C-alpha atoms as a PDB file:
ATOM      1  CA  MET A   1     204.284 131.143 110.929  1.00  0.00           C
ATOM      2  CA  GLU A   2     201.647 133.849 110.652  1.00  0.00           C
ATOM      3  CA  ILE A   3     202.058 136.733 113.092  1.00  0.00           C
ATOM      4  CA  TRP A   4     198.294 137.331 113.313  1.00  0.00           C
ATOM      5  CA  GLN A   5     197.839 133.783 114.659  1.00  0.00           C
ATOM      6  CA  LEU A   6     200.342 134.434 117.442  1.00  0.00           C
ATOM      7  CA  ILE A   7     198.598 137.706 118.287  1.00  0.00           C
ATOM      8  CA  LEU A   8     195.182 135.989 118.219  1.00  0.00           C
ATOM      9  CA  TRP A   9     196.178 133.233 120.663  1.00  0.00           C
ATOM     10  CA  ALA A  10     198.165 135.582 122.913  1.00  0.00           C
ATOM     11  CA  ALA A  11     195.228 138.024 123.049  1.00  0.00           C
ATOM     12  CA  MET A  12     192.771 135.192 123.769  1.00  0.00           C
ATOM     13  CA  THR A  13     194.995 133.923 126.578  1.00  0.00           C
ATOM     14  CA  VAL A  14     195.225 137.354 128.190  1.00  0.00           C
ATOM     15  CA  ILE A  15     191.504 138.084 127.767  1.00  0.00           C
ATOM     16  CA  LEU A  16     190.486 134.701 129.206  1.00  0.00           C
ATOM     17  CA  ILE A  17     192.800 135.161 132.187  1.00  0.00           C
ATOM     18  CA  ILE A  18     191.266 138.595 132.816  1.00  0.00           C
ATOM     19  CA  VAL A  19     187.769 137.091 132.565  1.00  0.00           C
ATOM     20  CA  GLU A  20     188.756 134.379 135.037  1.00  0.00           C
ATOM     21  CA  ILE A  21     190.155 136.898 137.495  1.00  0.00           C
ATOM     22  CA  ALA A  22     187.073 139.106 137.147  1.00  0.00           C
ATOM     23  CA  THR A  23     184.524 136.310 137.607  1.00  0.00           C
ATOM     24  CA  ILE A  24     186.387 133.877 139.913  1.00  0.00           C
ATOM     25  CA  GLN A  25     183.994 131.155 138.784  1.00  0.00           C
ATOM     26  CA  LEU A  26     186.619 128.766 137.378  1.00  0.00           C
ATOM     27  CA  VAL A  27     185.116 128.902 133.916  1.00  0.00           C
ATOM     28  CA  ALA A  28     187.682 130.530 131.657  1.00  0.00           C
ATOM     29  CA  VAL A  29     190.879 129.117 133.133  1.00  0.00           C
ATOM     30  CA  TRP A  30     190.725 125.935 131.041  1.00  0.00           C
ATOM     31  CA  PHE A  31     190.144 127.883 127.860  1.00  0.00           C
ATOM     32  CA  ALA A  32     193.026 130.214 128.730  1.00  0.00           C
ATOM     33  CA  ALA A  33     195.289 127.160 129.013  1.00  0.00           C
ATOM     34  CA  GLY A  34     193.913 125.849 125.705  1.00  0.00           C
ATOM     35  CA  SER A  35     194.599 129.145 123.967  1.00  0.00           C
ATOM     36  CA  PHE A  36     198.128 129.166 125.417  1.00  0.00           C
ATOM     37  CA  ALA A  37     198.672 125.642 124.026  1.00  0.00           C
ATOM     38  CA  ALA A  38     197.408 126.869 120.636  1.00  0.00           C
ATOM     39  CA  PHE A  39     199.829 129.811 120.912  1.00  0.00           C
ATOM     40  CA  ILE A  40     202.695 127.334 121.340  1.00  0.00           C
ATOM     41  CA  ALA A  41     201.437 125.367 118.339  1.00  0.00           C
ATOM     42  CA  ALA A  42     201.425 128.621 116.346  1.00  0.00           C
ATOM     43  CA  LEU A  43     205.035 129.245 117.415  1.00  0.00           C
ATOM     44  CA  PHE A  44     205.979 125.942 115.775  1.00  0.00           C
ATOM     45  CA  ALA A  45     204.188 127.048 112.568  1.00  0.00           C
ATOM     46  CA  ALA A  46     201.348 124.520 112.870  1.00  0.00           C
ATOM     47  CA  PRO A  47     198.475 125.136 110.441  1.00  0.00           C
ATOM     48  CA  LEU A  48     195.441 127.019 111.783  1.00  0.00           C
ATOM     49  CA  TRP A  49     193.277 123.892 111.864  1.00  0.00           C
ATOM     50  CA  VAL A  50     195.887 122.158 114.084  1.00  0.00           C
ATOM     51  CA  GLN A  51     195.936 125.189 116.381  1.00  0.00           C
ATOM     52  CA  LEU A  52     192.144 125.045 116.679  1.00  0.00           C
ATOM     53  CA  VAL A  53     192.247 121.311 117.433  1.00  0.00           C
ATOM     54  CA  VAL A  54     194.948 121.873 120.082  1.00  0.00           C
ATOM     55  CA  PHE A  55     192.845 124.653 121.636  1.00  0.00           C
ATOM     56  CA  ILE A  56     189.690 122.517 121.759  1.00  0.00           C
ATOM     57  CA  VAL A  57     191.363 119.300 122.915  1.00  0.00           C
ATOM     58  CA  VAL A  58     193.480 120.910 125.655  1.00  0.00           C
ATOM     59  CA  SER A  59     190.528 122.973 126.910  1.00  0.00           C
ATOM     60  CA  ILE A  60     188.180 119.989 127.054  1.00  0.00           C
ATOM     61  CA  LEU A  61     190.745 117.658 128.615  1.00  0.00           C
ATOM     62  CA  LEU A  62     191.601 120.166 131.349  1.00  0.00           C
ATOM     63  CA  LEU A  63     187.917 120.862 131.938  1.00  0.00           C
ATOM     64  CA  LEU A  64     187.060 117.174 132.226  1.00  0.00           C
ATOM     65  CA  ALA A  65     190.100 116.388 134.368  1.00  0.00           C
ATOM     66  CA  THR A  66     189.735 119.157 136.928  1.00  0.00           C
ATOM     67  CA  ARG A  67     186.115 120.335 137.017  1.00  0.00           C
ATOM     68  CA  PRO A  68     184.782 117.428 139.123  1.00  0.00           C
ATOM     69  CA  PHE A  69     187.614 117.927 141.631  1.00  0.00           C
ATOM     70  CA  VAL A  70     187.009 121.669 141.837  1.00  0.00           C
ATOM     71  CA  ARG A  71     183.244 121.174 142.118  1.00  0.00           C
ATOM     72  CA  SER A  72     183.675 118.757 145.031  1.00  0.00           C
ATOM     73  CA  LEU A  73     185.950 121.258 146.773  1.00  0.00           C
ATOM     74  CA  LEU A  74     183.411 124.035 146.352  1.00  0.00           C
ATOM     75  CA  GLN A  75     180.489 121.887 147.503  1.00  0.00           C
ATOM     76  CA  ASN A  76     182.324 120.575 150.569  1.00  0.00           C
ATOM     77  CA  ARG A  77     183.091 124.060 151.842  1.00  0.00           C
ATOM     78  CA  LYS A  78     181.689 124.575 155.289  1.00  0.00           C
ATOM     79  CA  LYS A  79     179.475 127.548 155.916  1.00  0.00           C
ATOM     80  CA  VAL A  80     181.351 130.248 157.771  1.00  0.00           C
ATOM     81  CA  ALA A  81     179.642 130.615 161.104  1.00  0.00           C
ATOM     82  CA  THR A  82     179.045 134.090 162.446  1.00  0.00           C
ATOM     83  CA  ASN A  83     178.323 135.240 165.963  1.00  0.00           C
ATOM     84  CA  ALA A  84     174.679 135.662 164.993  1.00  0.00           C
ATOM     85  CA  ASP A  85     174.490 131.949 164.065  1.00  0.00           C
ATOM     86  CA  SER A  86     174.871 131.144 167.747  1.00  0.00           C
ATOM     87  CA  LEU A  87     171.371 132.599 168.252  1.00  0.00           C
ATOM     88  CA  ILE A  88     169.714 129.785 166.304  1.00  0.00           C
ATOM     89  CA  GLY A  89     167.831 127.546 168.691  1.00  0.00           C
ATOM     90  CA  THR A  90     167.759 130.073 171.517  1.00  0.00           C
ATOM     91  CA  ILE A  91     164.681 131.623 173.065  1.00  0.00           C
ATOM     92  CA  CYS A  92     163.873 135.292 172.551  1.00  0.00           C
ATOM     93  CA  THR A  93     161.094 137.636 173.705  1.00  0.00           C
ATOM     94  CA  VAL A  94     158.771 139.453 171.307  1.00  0.00           C
ATOM     95  CA  LYS A  95     158.879 143.223 171.861  1.00  0.00           C
ATOM     96  CA  GLU A  96     156.786 144.350 168.867  1.00  0.00           C
ATOM     97  CA  THR A  97     153.967 142.320 167.311  1.00  0.00           C
ATOM     98  CA  ILE A  98     155.331 140.033 164.599  1.00  0.00           C
ATOM     99  CA  ASN A  99     153.088 140.227 161.564  1.00  0.00           C
ATOM    100  CA  ASN A 100     154.603 139.076 158.262  1.00  0.00           C
ATOM    101  CA  ARG A 101     151.817 140.662 156.191  1.00  0.00           C
ATOM    102  CA  GLU A 102     152.381 144.106 157.703  1.00  0.00           C
ATOM    103  CA  ASP A 103     156.152 143.628 157.755  1.00  0.00           C
ATOM    104  CA  THR A 104     156.386 144.347 161.477  1.00  0.00           C
ATOM    105  CA  GLY A 105     158.021 142.616 164.382  1.00  0.00           C
ATOM    106  CA  ARG A 106     160.938 142.883 166.772  1.00  0.00           C
ATOM    107  CA  VAL A 107     162.378 140.500 169.292  1.00  0.00           C
ATOM    108  CA  PHE A 108     164.904 140.856 172.085  1.00  0.00           C
ATOM    109  CA  ALA A 109     167.687 138.305 171.771  1.00  0.00           C
ATOM    110  CA  ASP A 110     171.211 138.221 173.145  1.00  0.00           C
ATOM    111  CA  GLY A 111     170.913 141.754 174.520  1.00  0.00           C
ATOM    112  CA  LEU A 112     169.853 143.275 171.196  1.00  0.00           C
ATOM    113  CA  LEU A 113     166.630 144.146 169.393  1.00  0.00           C
ATOM    114  CA  TRP A 114     166.274 142.265 166.118  1.00  0.00           C
ATOM    115  CA  THR A 115     163.777 142.525 163.292  1.00  0.00           C
ATOM    116  CA  ALA A 116     161.822 139.280 163.234  1.00  0.00           C
ATOM    117  CA  ARG A 117     159.394 137.312 161.083  1.00  0.00           C
ATOM    118  CA  SER A 118     157.444 134.198 161.984  1.00  0.00           C
ATOM    119  CA  THR A 119     158.210 130.900 160.276  1.00  0.00           C
ATOM    120  CA  ASP A 120     154.631 130.120 159.309  1.00  0.00           C
ATOM    121  CA  GLY A 121     153.141 133.613 159.068  1.00  0.00           C
ATOM    122  CA  THR A 122     151.257 133.498 162.362  1.00  0.00           C
ATOM    123  CA  VAL A 123     150.923 136.761 164.274  1.00  0.00           C
ATOM    124  CA  ILE A 124     152.916 136.699 167.508  1.00  0.00           C
ATOM    125  CA  GLU A 125     152.061 139.195 170.242  1.00  0.00           C
ATOM    126  CA  PRO A 126     154.491 141.102 172.504  1.00  0.00           C
ATOM    127  CA  ASP A 127     155.930 139.365 175.596  1.00  0.00           C
ATOM    128  CA  GLU A 128     155.556 135.915 174.016  1.00  0.00           C
ATOM    129  CA  SER A 129     158.597 133.674 173.934  1.00  0.00           C
ATOM    130  CA  CYS A 130     159.885 132.369 170.612  1.00  0.00           C
ATOM    131  CA  ILE A 131     162.577 130.032 169.373  1.00  0.00           C
ATOM    132  CA  ILE A 132     164.927 131.375 166.713  1.00  0.00           C
ATOM    133  CA  GLU A 133     164.786 128.976 163.751  1.00  0.00           C
ATOM    134  CA  SER A 134     167.090 130.749 161.299  1.00  0.00           C
ATOM    135  CA  ILE A 135     168.526 134.073 160.220  1.00  0.00           C
ATOM    136  CA  VAL A 136     167.815 135.595 156.821  1.00  0.00           C
ATOM    137  CA  GLY A 137     169.865 138.691 156.215  1.00  0.00           C
ATOM    138  CA  VAL A 138     169.384 140.696 159.410  1.00  0.00           C
ATOM    139  CA  LYS A 139     166.008 139.210 160.304  1.00  0.00           C
ATOM    140  CA  LEU A 140     165.434 136.444 162.792  1.00  0.00           C
ATOM    141  CA  ILE A 141     162.929 133.808 161.703  1.00  0.00           C
ATOM    142  CA  VAL A 142     161.105 132.657 164.833  1.00  0.00           C
ATOM    143  CA  ARG A 143     158.330 130.348 165.949  1.00  0.00           C
ATOM    144  CA  PRO A 144     156.301 130.651 169.135  1.00  0.00           C
ATOM    145  CA  VAL A 145     157.317 128.454 172.051  1.00  0.00           C
ATOM    146  CA  SER A 146     154.486 126.200 173.149  1.00  0.00           C
ATOM    147  CA  LYS A 147     153.838 126.021 176.872  1.00  0.00           C
ATOM    148  CA  ASP A 148     154.970 122.350 176.964  1.00  0.00           C
ATOM    149  CA  SER A 149     158.246 122.895 175.122  1.00  0.00           C
ATOM    150  CA  ALA A 150     159.104 126.015 177.144  1.00  0.00           C
ATOM    151  CA  SER A 151     159.298 124.044 180.363  1.00  0.00           C
ATOM    152  CA  THR A 152     161.448 121.276 178.856  1.00  0.00           C
ATOM    153  CA  GLU A 153     163.835 123.650 177.059  1.00  0.00           C
ATOM    154  CA  SER A 154     164.710 125.589 180.190  1.00  0.00           C
ATOM    155  CA  ILE A 155     166.011 122.398 181.879  1.00  0.00           C
END
């Protein structure tokens, strides 16, 4: 048993765990487990090539076995709704001309003034009604309400 091999695998395990904690991307955890398995192989005085094979095989097997499961968990996460998300689909009133090119525009929605941009880049004048399509950062993305849809949406 070579002491430097034990130190190598122990150091790799610790470093990979630190990387995993720092990134929280579920990338290094499998390699940390592989390096721990290689550390155990080094404890039993396995040759270096066996330790490397154990490291690679354990890392790949754990990666293949758990990555699809973890990916499906991450993809199936629901978006956390905020209070502002309740504004989507509601009607607001333009208070300052919305002009995407000049980076201007404010609307009054839910008792507050919000910075706003139009969905298609059209200029929207004050006192016009708009529908909130989405929220990007702290800006409401709006589209003008047509006269026909305004009467049906208030029903």
